[in-house]
Amino acid sequence: MQQKPKLPEITPEDIHTIKTFAGYLEQIKFGQYLENQTNLGKVIWFNLLAGIVRGFGYVIGATLLIAIFSIIISWLGGLPWIGEIVAKIVEKVQEYQAQNPM
C-alpha cells in the first residue's frame, strides 16, 4: 500500500500570512467581486451599462474634436477646396440619379 505524502507543518508565520491575506481580500471586497462575476445577469447588466457609457463618451469626444477642428479651420480662413469637392460629389450623384431613375 502506498503511503500518503507527509504534509508540511503550518507555522505561526504561515497562519499570520494567511490572516493578513484574508484581511486584504476583505478590504478589496473580493467576495462581492466573485459574487458579481458568477451571476450572469449582473455581468450582462454591467457590460450593457458600460457599453452605453462608453458609446456616449465616444460621441461627446468626437463632437468636441470636430468642434475644435472646425474652430481652427475658421480661424485659418476656411478651406475653399472642401466646398469644391462637395459640389463635385453632389454633381456626380445627381448625374447618376438622372441616368438611373428608380
Protein backbone atom coordinates (compact mmCIF):
# COMPACT_ATOMS: atom_id res chain seq x y z
CA MET A 1 0.00 0.00 0.00
CA GLN A 2 1.30 3.42 -0.99
CA GLN A 3 1.90 5.94 1.78
CA LYS A 4 0.39 9.39 1.59
CA PRO A 5 2.96 12.18 1.34
CA LYS A 6 3.52 13.93 4.62
CA LEU A 7 2.13 17.46 4.65
CA PRO A 8 4.36 20.24 5.89
CA GLU A 9 3.54 21.64 9.28
CA ILE A 10 1.88 25.01 9.46
CA THR A 11 3.93 27.52 11.40
CA PRO A 12 2.65 30.61 13.22
CA GLU A 13 4.21 32.70 10.43
CA ASP A 14 2.07 30.83 7.90
CA ILE A 15 -1.06 31.49 9.94
CA HIS A 16 -0.16 35.18 10.19
CA THR A 17 0.41 35.35 6.41
CA ILE A 18 -2.92 33.67 5.70
CA LYS A 19 -4.77 36.02 8.08
CA THR A 20 -3.08 39.04 6.50
CA PHE A 21 -4.02 37.85 3.03
CA ALA A 22 -7.62 37.20 4.14
CA GLY A 23 -7.74 40.74 5.54
CA TYR A 24 -6.59 42.15 2.20
CA LEU A 25 -9.26 40.15 0.38
CA GLU A 26 -11.91 41.53 2.73
CA GLN A 27 -10.64 45.09 2.24
CA ILE A 28 -10.98 44.89 -1.52
CA LYS A 29 -14.37 43.14 -1.20
CA PHE A 30 -13.16 40.14 -3.16
CA GLY A 31 -16.19 38.07 -2.14
CA GLN A 32 -18.54 40.65 -3.60
CA TYR A 33 -16.45 40.72 -6.78
CA LEU A 34 -16.66 36.94 -7.15
CA GLU A 35 -20.39 37.03 -6.49
CA ASN A 36 -20.86 39.63 -9.22
CA GLN A 37 -18.68 37.73 -11.70
CA THR A 38 -20.55 34.45 -11.22
CA ASN A 39 -24.02 35.98 -11.61
CA LEU A 40 -24.72 36.02 -15.36
CA GLY A 41 -27.50 38.61 -15.07
CA LYS A 42 -25.23 41.06 -13.22
CA VAL A 43 -22.41 40.53 -15.73
CA ILE A 44 -24.71 41.20 -18.68
CA TRP A 45 -26.26 44.26 -17.00
CA PHE A 46 -22.87 45.71 -16.04
CA ASN A 47 -21.47 45.20 -19.55
CA LEU A 48 -24.58 46.74 -21.12
CA LEU A 49 -24.27 49.85 -18.96
CA ALA A 50 -20.52 50.03 -19.59
CA GLY A 51 -21.14 49.86 -23.35
CA ILE A 52 -23.76 52.62 -23.24
CA VAL A 53 -21.49 54.89 -21.20
CA ARG A 54 -18.55 54.15 -23.49
CA GLY A 55 -20.71 54.99 -26.52
CA PHE A 56 -21.75 58.33 -25.02
CA GLY A 57 -18.10 59.06 -24.25
CA TYR A 58 -17.12 58.40 -27.85
CA VAL A 59 -19.89 60.65 -29.16
CA ILE A 60 -19.03 63.50 -26.79
CA GLY A 61 -15.31 63.16 -27.53
CA ALA A 62 -15.83 63.12 -31.28
CA THR A 63 -18.15 66.14 -31.04
CA LEU A 64 -15.54 68.11 -29.10
CA LEU A 65 -12.79 67.18 -31.55
CA ILE A 66 -14.88 68.17 -34.56
CA ALA A 67 -15.86 71.45 -32.88
CA ILE A 68 -12.23 72.27 -32.08
CA PHE A 69 -11.15 71.31 -35.60
CA SER A 70 -13.85 73.49 -37.20
CA ILE A 71 -12.93 76.46 -34.96
CA ILE A 72 -9.29 76.13 -36.00
CA ILE A 73 -10.30 75.89 -39.68
CA SER A 74 -12.47 79.01 -39.38
CA TRP A 75 -9.55 80.91 -37.78
CA LEU A 76 -7.37 79.88 -40.71
CA GLY A 77 -9.85 81.34 -43.19
CA GLY A 78 -11.62 78.13 -44.09
CA LEU A 79 -10.75 75.60 -46.73
CA PRO A 80 -12.37 76.60 -50.03
CA TRP A 81 -11.35 73.39 -51.77
CA ILE A 82 -13.68 71.39 -49.46
CA GLY A 83 -16.68 73.19 -50.96
CA GLU A 84 -15.45 72.30 -54.45
CA ILE A 85 -15.12 68.63 -53.52
CA VAL A 86 -18.61 68.54 -52.03
CA ALA A 87 -20.03 70.27 -55.12
CA LYS A 88 -18.39 67.65 -57.38
CA ILE A 89 -19.79 64.82 -55.27
CA VAL A 90 -23.30 66.31 -55.40
CA GLU A 91 -22.97 66.77 -59.16
CA LYS A 92 -21.89 63.12 -59.66
CA VAL A 93 -24.77 61.87 -57.50
CA GLN A 94 -27.28 63.95 -59.47
CA GLU A 95 -25.85 62.65 -62.77
CA TYR A 96 -26.12 59.08 -61.54
CA GLN A 97 -29.72 59.63 -60.41
CA ALA A 98 -30.62 61.16 -63.79
CA GLN A 99 -29.15 58.19 -65.66
CA ASN A 100 -30.62 55.54 -63.34
CA PRO A 101 -34.13 56.57 -62.24
CA MET A 102 -35.61 54.43 -59.52
